Amino acid sequence: MAIYYPTPLLVVVFPAHLMLLAMEGLLLSVLKRDGELWRRIYLECCRALWRERVRLVNERRSAQRNRRIGLWRFLALFTPMPYKLKMLLCHGLPEVH
């Protein structure tokens, strides 16, 4: 996501995505009554983003420099129903081992 989104969208969507990811982790941890879940998965995801930030920025520069489609064509692939919400409605809460 951080690599391929056009900059005007990334500025808005990326912080919202991180906030939703944190809320998802918190909610899942509370519902499963497992605080370790938050640490092992969601906090580790944030740490990995921070550790890999230089590589991600370099890959983003390269991808954006070589992009071939415009904003509207990029957005045409999106659906209104978020994938994780669709999976939750179809399958219920995930099992985490």
Protein backbone atom coordinates (compact mmCIF):
# COMPACT_ATOMS: atom_id res chain seq x y z
CA MET A 1 0.00 0.00 0.00
CA ALA A 2 2.62 2.55 1.04
CA ILE A 3 4.62 1.77 -2.08
CA TYR A 4 1.96 1.95 -4.79
CA TYR A 5 -0.66 4.46 -3.62
CA PRO A 6 -0.42 7.86 -5.36
CA THR A 7 0.93 10.49 -2.96
CA PRO A 8 -2.28 12.57 -2.61
CA LEU A 9 -4.16 9.43 -1.54
CA LEU A 10 -1.37 8.05 0.62
CA VAL A 11 -1.28 11.18 2.77
CA VAL A 12 -4.93 10.61 3.72
CA VAL A 13 -5.29 6.83 3.55
CA PHE A 14 -2.09 5.63 5.25
CA PRO A 15 -2.69 7.29 8.65
CA ALA A 16 -6.32 6.13 8.54
CA HIS A 17 -5.16 2.60 7.66
CA LEU A 18 -2.73 2.51 10.60
CA MET A 19 -5.42 3.79 12.95
CA LEU A 20 -7.90 1.15 11.74
CA LEU A 21 -5.25 -1.55 12.07
CA ALA A 22 -4.61 -0.51 15.67
CA MET A 23 -8.35 -0.49 16.42
CA GLU A 24 -8.74 -3.92 14.81
CA GLY A 25 -5.92 -5.28 16.97
CA LEU A 26 -7.33 -3.77 20.11
CA LEU A 27 -10.84 -5.05 19.39
CA LEU A 28 -9.64 -8.54 18.49
CA SER A 29 -7.45 -8.68 21.61
CA VAL A 30 -10.37 -7.64 23.81
CA LEU A 31 -12.82 -10.06 22.18
CA LYS A 32 -10.33 -12.94 22.39
CA ARG A 33 -9.20 -11.82 25.87
CA ASP A 34 -5.60 -12.13 24.76
CA GLY A 35 -3.36 -9.09 25.21
CA GLU A 36 -0.43 -11.04 23.81
CA LEU A 37 -2.24 -11.03 20.46
CA TRP A 38 -1.82 -7.25 20.28
CA ARG A 39 1.89 -7.46 21.04
CA ARG A 40 2.73 -10.43 18.82
CA ILE A 41 0.86 -9.32 15.72
CA TYR A 42 -0.24 -5.70 15.68
CA LEU A 43 2.56 -4.02 17.61
CA GLU A 44 5.10 -6.12 15.70
CA CYS A 45 3.56 -4.90 12.43
CA CYS A 46 4.20 -1.28 13.47
CA ARG A 47 7.74 -2.10 14.58
CA ALA A 48 8.46 -3.83 11.26
CA LEU A 49 7.22 -0.78 9.32
CA TRP A 50 9.57 1.42 11.32
CA ARG A 51 12.53 -0.96 10.88
CA GLU A 52 11.92 -1.21 7.13
CA ARG A 53 11.12 2.48 6.55
CA VAL A 54 14.27 3.27 4.53
CA ARG A 55 13.77 0.29 2.23
CA LEU A 56 10.06 1.08 1.84
CA VAL A 57 10.79 4.72 0.95
CA ASN A 58 13.35 3.62 -1.65
CA GLU A 59 10.97 1.07 -3.16
CA ARG A 60 8.20 3.69 -3.21
CA ARG A 61 10.42 6.15 -5.08
CA SER A 62 11.26 3.52 -7.65
CA ALA A 63 7.65 2.37 -8.09
CA GLN A 64 6.30 5.91 -8.37
CA ARG A 65 8.98 6.84 -10.88
CA ASN A 66 8.00 3.87 -13.06
CA ARG A 67 4.21 3.98 -12.70
CA ARG A 68 2.12 3.56 -15.82
CA ILE A 69 -1.49 4.32 -14.84
CA GLY A 70 -3.27 7.42 -13.61
CA LEU A 71 -5.25 8.02 -10.44
CA TRP A 72 -8.69 7.16 -11.86
CA ARG A 73 -7.55 3.87 -13.35
CA PHE A 74 -5.86 3.03 -10.03
CA LEU A 75 -9.09 3.75 -8.13
CA ALA A 76 -11.25 1.78 -10.57
CA LEU A 77 -10.02 -1.49 -9.01
CA PHE A 78 -11.38 -0.73 -5.54
CA THR A 79 -14.64 -2.09 -4.14
CA PRO A 80 -16.80 -0.35 -1.53
CA MET A 81 -16.75 -3.31 0.92
CA PRO A 82 -13.43 -3.65 2.79
CA TYR A 83 -12.00 -7.16 2.41
CA LYS A 84 -11.45 -7.77 6.13
CA LEU A 85 -15.02 -6.76 6.91
CA LYS A 86 -16.28 -9.10 4.19
CA MET A 87 -14.26 -11.98 5.67
CA LEU A 88 -15.51 -11.19 9.18
CA LEU A 89 -19.13 -11.27 8.01
CA CYS A 90 -18.62 -14.51 6.08
CA HIS A 91 -16.45 -16.44 8.54
CA GLY A 92 -16.67 -14.73 11.93
CA LEU A 93 -13.74 -13.93 14.20
CA PRO A 94 -10.47 -15.48 13.07
CA GLU A 95 -8.73 -18.24 14.99
CA VAL A 96 -5.25 -17.13 15.99
CA HIS A 97 -2.73 -19.80 16.92
